[in-house]
Amino acid sequence: MTQEPIFLQPVCKEKIWGGTLLRERFGYDIPSETTGECWAISAHPHGMSTVKSGPYQGKTLMELWDQHRELFGGTEGDRFPLLTKILDVKHHQSVKVHPDDYDAEEHGQGEMGKSECWYIIDCKENAEIIYGHTARSKAELVTMINSGDWEGLLRRVKIKPGDFYYVPSGTIHAICAGALVLETQQNSEAAYRIYDYGRTDQNGGTRDLHIRDAVNAATVPHVDGFLDESTETRKGVTIKTFVQGEYFSVYKWDISGTAEMTQDAPFMLCSVTEGSGSIICGGKSAELKKGAHFILPDQMPDFTINGDCTLIVSHI
């Protein structure tokens, strides 16, 4: 069993709301000028990350999960639990809601529920997210949707770089234009679209809406996701805890100089969002640069990170 970081090759996906920042900021090979998502650490069948080097080179993350469960501390489950993305939201995302595990299973689409969270890497001045709604009952929610009262219904929140938002299943939400976001989520693509600004695709068609399913899944009245924020500073690193929840815990590591670190979870998912450096473990050194994504496997010995960089780190 390897006891060193496992670096992954991401998959980039086109979206109607995407742009070119994934190439410009991270150097990714994007498929078009409307690329919205980098599936950075993914074992979802719609886009598999592959191992870049080492003894598992060329294997997909799903293959690692199926064949080498010891790397993940023997974590149970048929499906890898988490999915890390980077989102380039050049234009408004559609407004949507994700189901919880029970609702997703009831729909029988082979997906789990989807709670997620957002770390704002960068954004334009006065950028916003849609986070929740004003309806006090399901009946009022239906009335406001049917009347098209989007300004009255949707709750808008100003954002800035470094902000973090927990978006539990049931939350009506969207990222608005001009944001670059790292998303940590349950490994699911279950979503019910409520509103899409009347957009059409290249063929003049509109995207499907799922109003009934969305209303059934929505939390009414809206409740903000709970953040469990705290900060720890020691030599070479400041660790900020954002959330420690049922599905994932998420942290920010700000490295400045040399930091001695410990892997104390069944596995950790790591993404370098700013800066550069190196990670040293067992006498081996690997480069860290902005846009790198890797897994710290179970029983990995203590390690050192040198440099000036920011990592978003998650585990179950």
C-alpha atoms as a PDB file:
ATOM      1  CA  MET A   1       0.000   0.000   0.000  1.00  0.00           C
ATOM      2  CA  THR A   2       1.364   3.397  -0.953  1.00  0.00           C
ATOM      3  CA  GLN A   3       1.973   5.875   1.843  1.00  0.00           C
ATOM      4  CA  GLU A   4       2.539   8.948  -0.279  1.00  0.00           C
ATOM      5  CA  PRO A   5       0.244  11.518  -1.910  1.00  0.00           C
ATOM      6  CA  ILE A   6      -1.804  10.289  -4.877  1.00  0.00           C
ATOM      7  CA  PHE A   7      -1.980  13.042  -7.516  1.00  0.00           C
ATOM      8  CA  LEU A   8      -4.971  13.079  -9.859  1.00  0.00           C
ATOM      9  CA  GLN A   9      -5.686  14.285 -13.388  1.00  0.00           C
ATOM     10  CA  PRO A  10      -8.975  16.222 -13.457  1.00  0.00           C
ATOM     11  CA  VAL A  11     -11.744  16.204 -16.053  1.00  0.00           C
ATOM     12  CA  CYS A  12     -13.142  19.493 -17.403  1.00  0.00           C
ATOM     13  CA  LYS A  13     -16.737  19.910 -18.558  1.00  0.00           C
ATOM     14  CA  GLU A  14     -18.584  22.422 -20.703  1.00  0.00           C
ATOM     15  CA  LYS A  15     -21.466  24.375 -19.182  1.00  0.00           C
ATOM     16  CA  ILE A  16     -23.770  26.997 -20.633  1.00  0.00           C
ATOM     17  CA  TRP A  17     -22.576  29.363 -17.891  1.00  0.00           C
ATOM     18  CA  GLY A  18     -18.845  28.574 -18.145  1.00  0.00           C
ATOM     19  CA  GLY A  19     -15.831  30.485 -19.433  1.00  0.00           C
ATOM     20  CA  THR A  20     -12.046  30.150 -19.746  1.00  0.00           C
ATOM     21  CA  LEU A  21     -10.731  30.772 -16.221  1.00  0.00           C
ATOM     22  CA  LEU A  22      -9.956  27.102 -15.630  1.00  0.00           C
ATOM     23  CA  ARG A  23      -7.317  27.412 -18.338  1.00  0.00           C
ATOM     24  CA  GLU A  24      -6.192  30.936 -17.499  1.00  0.00           C
ATOM     25  CA  ARG A  25      -5.861  30.454 -13.741  1.00  0.00           C
ATOM     26  CA  PHE A  26      -4.882  26.793 -13.467  1.00  0.00           C
ATOM     27  CA  GLY A  27      -3.546  25.772 -16.878  1.00  0.00           C
ATOM     28  CA  TYR A  28      -6.118  23.041 -17.442  1.00  0.00           C
ATOM     29  CA  ASP A  29      -6.731  21.713 -20.935  1.00  0.00           C
ATOM     30  CA  ILE A  30     -10.325  22.854 -21.403  1.00  0.00           C
ATOM     31  CA  PRO A  31     -12.646  21.590 -24.164  1.00  0.00           C
ATOM     32  CA  SER A  32     -14.093  24.986 -25.185  1.00  0.00           C
ATOM     33  CA  GLU A  33     -14.511  28.665 -24.333  1.00  0.00           C
ATOM     34  CA  THR A  34     -17.570  27.745 -22.250  1.00  0.00           C
ATOM     35  CA  THR A  35     -15.970  25.387 -19.741  1.00  0.00           C
ATOM     36  CA  GLY A  36     -17.650  25.598 -16.361  1.00  0.00           C
ATOM     37  CA  GLU A  37     -16.447  22.699 -14.245  1.00  0.00           C
ATOM     38  CA  CYS A  38     -13.223  20.958 -13.339  1.00  0.00           C
ATOM     39  CA  TRP A  39     -14.043  17.616 -11.735  1.00  0.00           C
ATOM     40  CA  ALA A  40     -10.837  17.596  -9.753  1.00  0.00           C
ATOM     41  CA  ILE A  41     -11.209  14.625  -7.415  1.00  0.00           C
ATOM     42  CA  SER A  42     -13.975  12.486  -8.856  1.00  0.00           C
ATOM     43  CA  ALA A  43     -15.065   8.875  -8.889  1.00  0.00           C
ATOM     44  CA  HIS A  44     -18.448   9.728 -10.408  1.00  0.00           C
ATOM     45  CA  PRO A  45     -19.261   7.755 -13.586  1.00  0.00           C
ATOM     46  CA  HIS A  46     -19.948  11.012 -15.468  1.00  0.00           C
ATOM     47  CA  GLY A  47     -16.308  12.093 -15.074  1.00  0.00           C
ATOM     48  CA  MET A  48     -13.503  10.037 -13.549  1.00  0.00           C
ATOM     49  CA  SER A  49     -10.232  11.441 -12.248  1.00  0.00           C
ATOM     50  CA  THR A  50      -7.193   9.301 -13.071  1.00  0.00           C
ATOM     51  CA  VAL A  51      -3.959   8.837 -11.148  1.00  0.00           C
ATOM     52  CA  LYS A  52      -1.127  10.846 -12.719  1.00  0.00           C
ATOM     53  CA  SER A  53       1.922   8.926 -11.461  1.00  0.00           C
ATOM     54  CA  GLY A  54       3.230   6.297  -9.067  1.00  0.00           C
ATOM     55  CA  PRO A  55       2.214   2.657  -8.614  1.00  0.00           C
ATOM     56  CA  TYR A  56      -1.435   3.336  -9.520  1.00  0.00           C
ATOM     57  CA  GLN A  57      -0.733   5.507 -12.586  1.00  0.00           C
ATOM     58  CA  GLY A  58      -3.589   5.403 -15.112  1.00  0.00           C
ATOM     59  CA  LYS A  59      -6.145   3.930 -12.720  1.00  0.00           C
ATOM     60  CA  THR A  60      -9.369   5.821 -12.154  1.00  0.00           C
ATOM     61  CA  LEU A  61     -10.331   6.883  -8.674  1.00  0.00           C
ATOM     62  CA  MET A  62     -13.250   4.445  -8.872  1.00  0.00           C
ATOM     63  CA  GLU A  63     -10.804   1.611  -9.576  1.00  0.00           C
ATOM     64  CA  LEU A  64      -8.743   2.623  -6.552  1.00  0.00           C
ATOM     65  CA  TRP A  65     -11.894   2.699  -4.433  1.00  0.00           C
ATOM     66  CA  ASP A  66     -13.013  -0.739  -5.642  1.00  0.00           C
ATOM     67  CA  GLN A  67      -9.631  -2.499  -5.662  1.00  0.00           C
ATOM     68  CA  HIS A  68      -7.605  -0.781  -2.926  1.00  0.00           C
ATOM     69  CA  ARG A  69     -10.034   0.115  -0.164  1.00  0.00           C
ATOM     70  CA  GLU A  70      -7.119   0.002   2.287  1.00  0.00           C
ATOM     71  CA  LEU A  71      -6.001   3.367   0.885  1.00  0.00           C
ATOM     72  CA  PHE A  72      -9.208   4.835   2.309  1.00  0.00           C
ATOM     73  CA  GLY A  73      -9.043   3.256   5.754  1.00  0.00           C
ATOM     74  CA  GLY A  74     -11.535   0.553   4.853  1.00  0.00           C
ATOM     75  CA  THR A  75     -14.322   3.132   4.511  1.00  0.00           C
ATOM     76  CA  GLU A  76     -17.548   1.334   3.642  1.00  0.00           C
ATOM     77  CA  GLY A  77     -19.888   2.001   0.746  1.00  0.00           C
ATOM     78  CA  ASP A  78     -20.289   1.112  -2.912  1.00  0.00           C
ATOM     79  CA  ARG A  79     -19.603   4.668  -4.056  1.00  0.00           C
ATOM     80  CA  PHE A  80     -16.714   6.979  -3.231  1.00  0.00           C
ATOM     81  CA  PRO A  81     -18.381   9.496  -0.901  1.00  0.00           C
ATOM     82  CA  LEU A  82     -17.037  12.892  -2.024  1.00  0.00           C
ATOM     83  CA  LEU A  83     -16.512  14.948  -5.164  1.00  0.00           C
ATOM     84  CA  THR A  84     -14.310  18.045  -5.462  1.00  0.00           C
ATOM     85  CA  LYS A  85     -14.909  20.544  -8.276  1.00  0.00           C
ATOM     86  CA  ILE A  86     -13.663  23.952  -9.339  1.00  0.00           C
ATOM     87  CA  LEU A  87     -16.371  26.082 -10.963  1.00  0.00           C
ATOM     88  CA  ASP A  88     -15.816  28.969 -13.380  1.00  0.00           C
ATOM     89  CA  VAL A  89     -19.164  30.737 -13.266  1.00  0.00           C
ATOM     90  CA  LYS A  90     -18.893  33.367 -16.014  1.00  0.00           C
ATOM     91  CA  HIS A  91     -22.677  33.633 -16.382  1.00  0.00           C
ATOM     92  CA  HIS A  92     -25.447  32.910 -13.877  1.00  0.00           C
ATOM     93  CA  GLN A  93     -26.012  29.282 -12.929  1.00  0.00           C
ATOM     94  CA  SER A  94     -29.579  28.038 -13.021  1.00  0.00           C
ATOM     95  CA  VAL A  95     -31.424  28.122  -9.704  1.00  0.00           C
ATOM     96  CA  LYS A  96     -31.811  24.634  -8.317  1.00  0.00           C
ATOM     97  CA  VAL A  97     -32.217  22.441  -5.266  1.00  0.00           C
ATOM     98  CA  HIS A  98     -30.590  19.102  -4.442  1.00  0.00           C
ATOM     99  CA  PRO A  99     -32.431  16.218  -2.744  1.00  0.00           C
ATOM    100  CA  ASP A 100     -31.372  14.519   0.464  1.00  0.00           C
ATOM    101  CA  ASP A 101     -30.381  10.846   0.486  1.00  0.00           C
ATOM    102  CA  TYR A 102     -33.933   9.622   1.121  1.00  0.00           C
ATOM    103  CA  ASP A 103     -35.477  11.698  -1.665  1.00  0.00           C
ATOM    104  CA  ALA A 104     -32.726  10.737  -4.118  1.00  0.00           C
ATOM    105  CA  GLU A 105     -33.262   7.044  -3.372  1.00  0.00           C
ATOM    106  CA  GLU A 106     -37.021   7.437  -3.830  1.00  0.00           C
ATOM    107  CA  HIS A 107     -36.407   8.768  -7.345  1.00  0.00           C
ATOM    108  CA  GLY A 108     -34.375   5.670  -8.201  1.00  0.00           C
ATOM    109  CA  GLN A 109     -31.828   7.415 -10.428  1.00  0.00           C
ATOM    110  CA  GLY A 110     -28.805   5.712  -8.893  1.00  0.00           C
ATOM    111  CA  GLU A 111     -27.674   8.881  -7.137  1.00  0.00           C
ATOM    112  CA  MET A 112     -27.248   9.708  -3.464  1.00  0.00           C
ATOM    113  CA  GLY A 113     -28.415  13.004  -2.032  1.00  0.00           C
ATOM    114  CA  LYS A 114     -26.308  16.085  -2.454  1.00  0.00           C
ATOM    115  CA  SER A 115     -25.148  18.465   0.199  1.00  0.00           C
ATOM    116  CA  GLU A 116     -22.312  20.724  -0.894  1.00  0.00           C
ATOM    117  CA  CYS A 117     -20.213  23.696   0.143  1.00  0.00           C
ATOM    118  CA  TRP A 118     -18.473  26.561  -1.623  1.00  0.00           C
ATOM    119  CA  TYR A 119     -15.113  28.212  -1.026  1.00  0.00           C
ATOM    120  CA  ILE A 120     -14.892  31.465  -2.999  1.00  0.00           C
ATOM    121  CA  ILE A 121     -11.450  31.434  -4.637  1.00  0.00           C
ATOM    122  CA  ASP A 122     -12.072  34.705  -6.450  1.00  0.00           C
ATOM    123  CA  CYS A 123     -14.959  36.819  -7.685  1.00  0.00           C
ATOM    124  CA  LYS A 124     -15.800  40.114  -9.292  1.00  0.00           C
ATOM    125  CA  GLU A 125     -16.718  43.103  -7.183  1.00  0.00           C
ATOM    126  CA  ASN A 126     -20.347  42.911  -6.027  1.00  0.00           C
ATOM    127  CA  ALA A 127     -20.654  39.260  -7.091  1.00  0.00           C
ATOM    128  CA  GLU A 128     -23.524  37.339  -5.521  1.00  0.00           C
ATOM    129  CA  ILE A 129     -24.891  33.923  -4.775  1.00  0.00           C
ATOM    130  CA  ILE A 130     -28.507  32.879  -4.442  1.00  0.00           C
ATOM    131  CA  TYR A 131     -28.746  31.239  -1.048  1.00  0.00           C
ATOM    132  CA  GLY A 132     -32.224  30.364   0.105  1.00  0.00           C
ATOM    133  CA  HIS A 133     -35.623  31.990  -0.355  1.00  0.00           C
ATOM    134  CA  THR A 134     -38.284  34.033   1.397  1.00  0.00           C
ATOM    135  CA  ALA A 135     -41.279  31.662   1.203  1.00  0.00           C
ATOM    136  CA  ARG A 136     -42.820  30.758   4.557  1.00  0.00           C
ATOM    137  CA  SER A 137     -44.689  27.669   3.320  1.00  0.00           C
ATOM    138  CA  LYS A 138     -44.661  25.250   0.399  1.00  0.00           C
ATOM    139  CA  ALA A 139     -47.885  26.809  -0.848  1.00  0.00           C
ATOM    140  CA  GLU A 140     -46.292  30.252  -0.868  1.00  0.00           C
ATOM    141  CA  LEU A 141     -43.216  28.828  -2.615  1.00  0.00           C
ATOM    142  CA  VAL A 142     -45.408  27.377  -5.380  1.00  0.00           C
ATOM    143  CA  THR A 143     -47.331  30.640  -5.744  1.00  0.00           C
ATOM    144  CA  MET A 144     -44.163  32.725  -6.077  1.00  0.00           C
ATOM    145  CA  ILE A 145     -42.618  30.307  -8.586  1.00  0.00           C
ATOM    146  CA  ASN A 146     -45.784  30.161 -10.701  1.00  0.00           C
ATOM    147  CA  SER A 147     -46.064  33.959 -10.740  1.00  0.00           C
ATOM    148  CA  GLY A 148     -42.400  34.361 -11.694  1.00  0.00           C
ATOM    149  CA  ASP A 149     -41.692  36.532  -8.645  1.00  0.00           C
ATOM    150  CA  TRP A 150     -38.001  35.681  -8.644  1.00  0.00           C
ATOM    151  CA  GLU A 151     -36.866  38.991  -7.175  1.00  0.00           C
ATOM    152  CA  GLY A 152     -39.226  38.552  -4.271  1.00  0.00           C
ATOM    153  CA  LEU A 153     -38.494  34.862  -3.785  1.00  0.00           C
ATOM    154  CA  LEU A 154     -34.750  34.433  -4.142  1.00  0.00           C
ATOM    155  CA  ARG A 155     -32.397  35.470  -1.351  1.00  0.00           C
ATOM    156  CA  ARG A 156     -29.237  37.114  -2.713  1.00  0.00           C
ATOM    157  CA  VAL A 157     -25.984  37.323  -0.746  1.00  0.00           C
ATOM    158  CA  LYS A 158     -22.908  39.385  -1.655  1.00  0.00           C
ATOM    159  CA  ILE A 159     -19.683  37.372  -1.726  1.00  0.00           C
ATOM    160  CA  LYS A 160     -15.949  38.080  -1.625  1.00  0.00           C
ATOM    161  CA  PRO A 161     -12.780  35.970  -2.006  1.00  0.00           C
ATOM    162  CA  GLY A 162     -12.207  33.706   0.987  1.00  0.00           C
ATOM    163  CA  ASP A 163     -15.880  33.354   1.902  1.00  0.00           C
ATOM    164  CA  PHE A 164     -17.295  29.898   2.621  1.00  0.00           C
ATOM    165  CA  TYR A 165     -20.896  28.688   2.410  1.00  0.00           C
ATOM    166  CA  TYR A 166     -22.394  25.352   3.431  1.00  0.00           C
ATOM    167  CA  VAL A 167     -25.298  24.415   1.140  1.00  0.00           C
ATOM    168  CA  PRO A 168     -27.234  21.486   2.659  1.00  0.00           C
ATOM    169  CA  SER A 169     -29.590  19.409   0.534  1.00  0.00           C
ATOM    170  CA  GLY A 170     -32.924  21.189   0.299  1.00  0.00           C
ATOM    171  CA  THR A 171     -31.353  24.642  -0.107  1.00  0.00           C
ATOM    172  CA  ILE A 172     -32.524  26.670  -3.111  1.00  0.00           C
ATOM    173  CA  HIS A 173     -29.284  28.045  -4.512  1.00  0.00           C
ATOM    174  CA  ALA A 174     -27.122  29.208  -7.412  1.00  0.00           C
ATOM    175  CA  ILE A 175     -23.793  30.902  -7.999  1.00  0.00           C
ATOM    176  CA  CYS A 176     -24.217  34.126  -9.950  1.00  0.00           C
ATOM    177  CA  ALA A 177     -21.956  35.509 -12.668  1.00  0.00           C
ATOM    178  CA  GLY A 178     -18.330  36.347 -11.982  1.00  0.00           C
ATOM    179  CA  ALA A 179     -17.212  33.759  -9.419  1.00  0.00           C
ATOM    180  CA  LEU A 180     -14.465  31.139  -9.244  1.00  0.00           C
ATOM    181  CA  VAL A 181     -15.415  28.548  -6.637  1.00  0.00           C
ATOM    182  CA  LEU A 182     -14.072  25.328  -5.156  1.00  0.00           C
ATOM    183  CA  GLU A 183     -16.982  23.021  -4.380  1.00  0.00           C
ATOM    184  CA  THR A 184     -16.859  20.057  -2.016  1.00  0.00           C
ATOM    185  CA  GLN A 185     -19.951  17.859  -2.264  1.00  0.00           C
ATOM    186  CA  GLN A 186     -21.443  14.448  -1.849  1.00  0.00           C
ATOM    187  CA  ASN A 187     -20.623  12.321  -4.880  1.00  0.00           C
ATOM    188  CA  SER A 188     -23.901  12.947  -6.675  1.00  0.00           C
ATOM    189  CA  GLU A 189     -25.333  14.838  -9.629  1.00  0.00           C
ATOM    190  CA  ALA A 190     -28.952  14.796  -8.407  1.00  0.00           C
ATOM    191  CA  ALA A 191     -30.478  18.235  -9.002  1.00  0.00           C
ATOM    192  CA  TYR A 192     -33.885  19.793  -9.629  1.00  0.00           C
ATOM    193  CA  ARG A 193     -33.828  22.995 -11.685  1.00  0.00           C
ATOM    194  CA  ILE A 194     -36.286  25.753 -10.761  1.00  0.00           C
ATOM    195  CA  TYR A 195     -35.303  28.716 -12.926  1.00  0.00           C
ATOM    196  CA  ASP A 196     -32.917  29.189 -15.863  1.00  0.00           C
ATOM    197  CA  TYR A 197     -33.374  32.840 -16.881  1.00  0.00           C
ATOM    198  CA  GLY A 198     -35.191  31.761 -20.061  1.00  0.00           C
ATOM    199  CA  ARG A 199     -31.929  30.744 -21.709  1.00  0.00           C
ATOM    200  CA  THR A 200     -31.753  28.694 -24.874  1.00  0.00           C
ATOM    201  CA  ASP A 201     -29.022  26.379 -26.109  1.00  0.00           C
ATOM    202  CA  GLN A 202     -27.308  26.473 -29.512  1.00  0.00           C
ATOM    203  CA  ASN A 203     -30.339  24.724 -31.012  1.00  0.00           C
ATOM    204  CA  GLY A 204     -32.825  27.190 -29.563  1.00  0.00           C
ATOM    205  CA  GLY A 205     -34.124  24.766 -26.949  1.00  0.00           C
ATOM    206  CA  THR A 206     -34.610  25.469 -23.265  1.00  0.00           C
ATOM    207  CA  ARG A 207     -33.314  23.289 -20.466  1.00  0.00           C
ATOM    208  CA  ASP A 208     -35.786  21.187 -18.500  1.00  0.00           C
ATOM    209  CA  LEU A 209     -37.258  22.490 -15.255  1.00  0.00           C
ATOM    210  CA  HIS A 210     -38.244  20.190 -12.376  1.00  0.00           C
ATOM    211  CA  ILE A 211     -40.617  22.378 -10.374  1.00  0.00           C
ATOM    212  CA  ARG A 212     -42.611  19.676  -8.585  1.00  0.00           C
ATOM    213  CA  ASP A 213     -39.530  17.732  -7.523  1.00  0.00           C
ATOM    214  CA  ALA A 214     -37.783  20.941  -6.456  1.00  0.00           C
ATOM    215  CA  VAL A 215     -40.689  22.065  -4.290  1.00  0.00           C
ATOM    216  CA  ASN A 216     -40.911  18.636  -2.666  1.00  0.00           C
ATOM    217  CA  ALA A 217     -37.164  18.641  -1.908  1.00  0.00           C
ATOM    218  CA  ALA A 218     -36.872  22.271  -0.775  1.00  0.00           C
ATOM    219  CA  THR A 219     -36.427  23.214   2.862  1.00  0.00           C
ATOM    220  CA  VAL A 220     -39.234  25.641   3.758  1.00  0.00           C
ATOM    221  CA  PRO A 221     -38.750  28.061   5.393  1.00  0.00           C
ATOM    222  CA  HIS A 222     -35.083  28.457   4.465  1.00  0.00           C
ATOM    223  CA  VAL A 223     -32.432  27.622   7.077  1.00  0.00           C
ATOM    224  CA  ASP A 224     -28.792  28.677   6.670  1.00  0.00           C
ATOM    225  CA  GLY A 225     -26.249  25.856   6.718  1.00  0.00           C
ATOM    226  CA  PHE A 226     -24.390  25.710  10.040  1.00  0.00           C
ATOM    227  CA  LEU A 227     -20.684  26.549   9.999  1.00  0.00           C
ATOM    228  CA  ASP A 228     -18.344  25.276  12.705  1.00  0.00           C
ATOM    229  CA  GLU A 229     -15.606  27.846  12.189  1.00  0.00           C
ATOM    230  CA  SER A 230     -12.379  27.953  14.170  1.00  0.00           C
ATOM    231  CA  THR A 231      -8.733  28.833  13.494  1.00  0.00           C
ATOM    232  CA  GLU A 232      -5.498  27.217  14.675  1.00  0.00           C
ATOM    233  CA  THR A 233      -2.101  28.782  14.008  1.00  0.00           C
ATOM    234  CA  ARG A 234       1.239  27.081  14.495  1.00  0.00           C
ATOM    235  CA  LYS A 235       4.670  27.197  12.885  1.00  0.00           C
ATOM    236  CA  GLY A 236       4.308  27.491   9.126  1.00  0.00           C
ATOM    237  CA  VAL A 237       0.546  27.009   8.883  1.00  0.00           C
ATOM    238  CA  THR A 238      -2.816  28.484   9.767  1.00  0.00           C
ATOM    239  CA  ILE A 239      -5.643  25.941   9.691  1.00  0.00           C
ATOM    240  CA  LYS A 240      -9.169  27.275   9.404  1.00  0.00           C
ATOM    241  CA  THR A 241     -12.031  24.884  10.021  1.00  0.00           C
ATOM    242  CA  PHE A 242     -15.099  25.753   7.963  1.00  0.00           C
ATOM    243  CA  VAL A 243     -17.507  22.911   8.597  1.00  0.00           C
ATOM    244  CA  GLN A 244     -17.522  19.529  10.340  1.00  0.00           C
ATOM    245  CA  GLY A 245     -20.716  17.842   9.272  1.00  0.00           C
ATOM    246  CA  GLU A 246     -22.493  14.588   8.604  1.00  0.00           C
ATOM    247  CA  TYR A 247     -21.145  14.212   5.066  1.00  0.00           C
ATOM    248  CA  PHE A 248     -17.826  16.060   5.070  1.00  0.00           C
ATOM    249  CA  SER A 249     -15.459  18.272   7.008  1.00  0.00           C
ATOM    250  CA  VAL A 250     -13.646  21.064   5.170  1.00  0.00           C
ATOM    251  CA  TYR A 251     -10.581  23.104   6.118  1.00  0.00           C
ATOM    252  CA  LYS A 252      -8.263  25.721   4.652  1.00  0.00           C
ATOM    253  CA  TRP A 253      -4.521  25.298   5.126  1.00  0.00           C
ATOM    254  CA  ASP A 254      -2.546  28.508   4.611  1.00  0.00           C
ATOM    255  CA  ILE A 255       1.114  27.473   4.370  1.00  0.00           C
ATOM    256  CA  SER A 256       3.873  30.042   4.888  1.00  0.00           C
ATOM    257  CA  GLY A 257       7.362  28.582   5.166  1.00  0.00           C
ATOM    258  CA  THR A 258       7.681  25.051   6.523  1.00  0.00           C
ATOM    259  CA  ALA A 259       4.773  23.228   8.162  1.00  0.00           C
ATOM    260  CA  GLU A 260       4.845  19.806   9.813  1.00  0.00           C
ATOM    261  CA  MET A 261       1.519  18.116   9.123  1.00  0.00           C
ATOM    262  CA  THR A 262      -0.373  14.969  10.134  1.00  0.00           C
ATOM    263  CA  GLN A 263      -2.904  12.894   8.198  1.00  0.00           C
ATOM    264  CA  ASP A 264      -5.358  11.792  10.905  1.00  0.00           C
ATOM    265  CA  ALA A 265      -8.438  10.807   8.847  1.00  0.00           C
ATOM    266  CA  PRO A 266      -9.201   7.658   6.800  1.00  0.00           C
ATOM    267  CA  PHE A 267      -8.181   9.788   3.795  1.00  0.00           C
ATOM    268  CA  MET A 268      -7.958  13.479   2.896  1.00  0.00           C
ATOM    269  CA  LEU A 269      -8.713  15.267  -0.374  1.00  0.00           C
ATOM    270  CA  CYS A 270      -6.432  18.249  -1.060  1.00  0.00           C
ATOM    271  CA  SER A 271      -6.608  21.015  -3.676  1.00  0.00           C
ATOM    272  CA  VAL A 272      -4.049  23.802  -4.106  1.00  0.00           C
ATOM    273  CA  THR A 273      -6.002  26.985  -4.856  1.00  0.00           C
ATOM    274  CA  GLU A 274      -3.178  29.541  -4.598  1.00  0.00           C
ATOM    275  CA  GLY A 275       0.614  29.635  -4.572  1.00  0.00           C
ATOM    276  CA  SER A 276       3.186  26.875  -4.839  1.00  0.00           C
ATOM    277  CA  GLY A 277       5.459  24.688  -2.764  1.00  0.00           C
ATOM    278  CA  SER A 278       6.348  21.066  -2.166  1.00  0.00           C
ATOM    279  CA  ILE A 279       5.168  18.161  -0.048  1.00  0.00           C
ATOM    280  CA  ILE A 280       7.767  15.855   1.506  1.00  0.00           C
ATOM    281  CA  CYS A 281       6.890  12.436   2.894  1.00  0.00           C
ATOM    282  CA  GLY A 282       9.127   9.449   3.579  1.00  0.00           C
ATOM    283  CA  GLY A 283      12.095  11.154   1.984  1.00  0.00           C
ATOM    284  CA  LYS A 284      10.226  11.809  -1.280  1.00  0.00           C
ATOM    285  CA  SER A 285       9.314  15.284  -2.495  1.00  0.00           C
ATOM    286  CA  ALA A 286       6.531  16.292  -4.894  1.00  0.00           C
ATOM    287  CA  GLU A 287       5.800  19.705  -6.365  1.00  0.00           C
ATOM    288  CA  LEU A 288       2.680  21.568  -5.322  1.00  0.00           C
ATOM    289  CA  LYS A 289       1.342  24.190  -7.694  1.00  0.00           C
ATOM    290  CA  LYS A 290      -1.922  26.027  -8.086  1.00  0.00           C
ATOM    291  CA  GLY A 291      -4.488  23.659  -9.557  1.00  0.00           C
ATOM    292  CA  ALA A 292      -2.930  20.452  -8.196  1.00  0.00           C
ATOM    293  CA  HIS A 293      -5.251  17.901  -6.577  1.00  0.00           C
ATOM    294  CA  PHE A 294      -4.238  14.876  -4.531  1.00  0.00           C
ATOM    295  CA  ILE A 295      -5.340  12.355  -1.937  1.00  0.00           C
ATOM    296  CA  LEU A 296      -3.514  11.674   1.317  1.00  0.00           C
ATOM    297  CA  PRO A 297      -4.194   7.959   1.920  1.00  0.00           C
ATOM    298  CA  ASP A 298      -4.810   6.147   5.189  1.00  0.00           C
ATOM    299  CA  GLN A 299      -1.831   5.563   7.494  1.00  0.00           C
ATOM    300  CA  MET A 300       0.297   8.070   5.637  1.00  0.00           C
ATOM    301  CA  PRO A 301       3.165   9.121   7.925  1.00  0.00           C
ATOM    302  CA  ASP A 302       3.641  12.686   9.080  1.00  0.00           C
ATOM    303  CA  PHE A 303       4.734  14.957   6.249  1.00  0.00           C
ATOM    304  CA  THR A 304       6.100  18.428   5.551  1.00  0.00           C
ATOM    305  CA  ILE A 305       4.769  21.143   3.268  1.00  0.00           C
ATOM    306  CA  ASN A 306       7.189  23.868   2.207  1.00  0.00           C
ATOM    307  CA  GLY A 307       6.242  27.026   0.362  1.00  0.00           C
ATOM    308  CA  ASP A 308       3.644  29.746   0.267  1.00  0.00           C
ATOM    309  CA  CYS A 309       0.317  28.248  -0.750  1.00  0.00           C
ATOM    310  CA  THR A 310      -3.320  27.681   0.154  1.00  0.00           C
ATOM    311  CA  LEU A 311      -4.986  24.274   0.169  1.00  0.00           C
ATOM    312  CA  ILE A 312      -8.630  23.331   0.657  1.00  0.00           C
ATOM    313  CA  VAL A 313      -8.744  19.985   2.450  1.00  0.00           C
ATOM    314  CA  SER A 314     -11.713  17.714   3.086  1.00  0.00           C
ATOM    315  CA  HIS A 315     -12.548  14.321   4.547  1.00  0.00           C
ATOM    316  CA  ILE A 316     -15.595  12.363   5.626  1.00  0.00           C
END
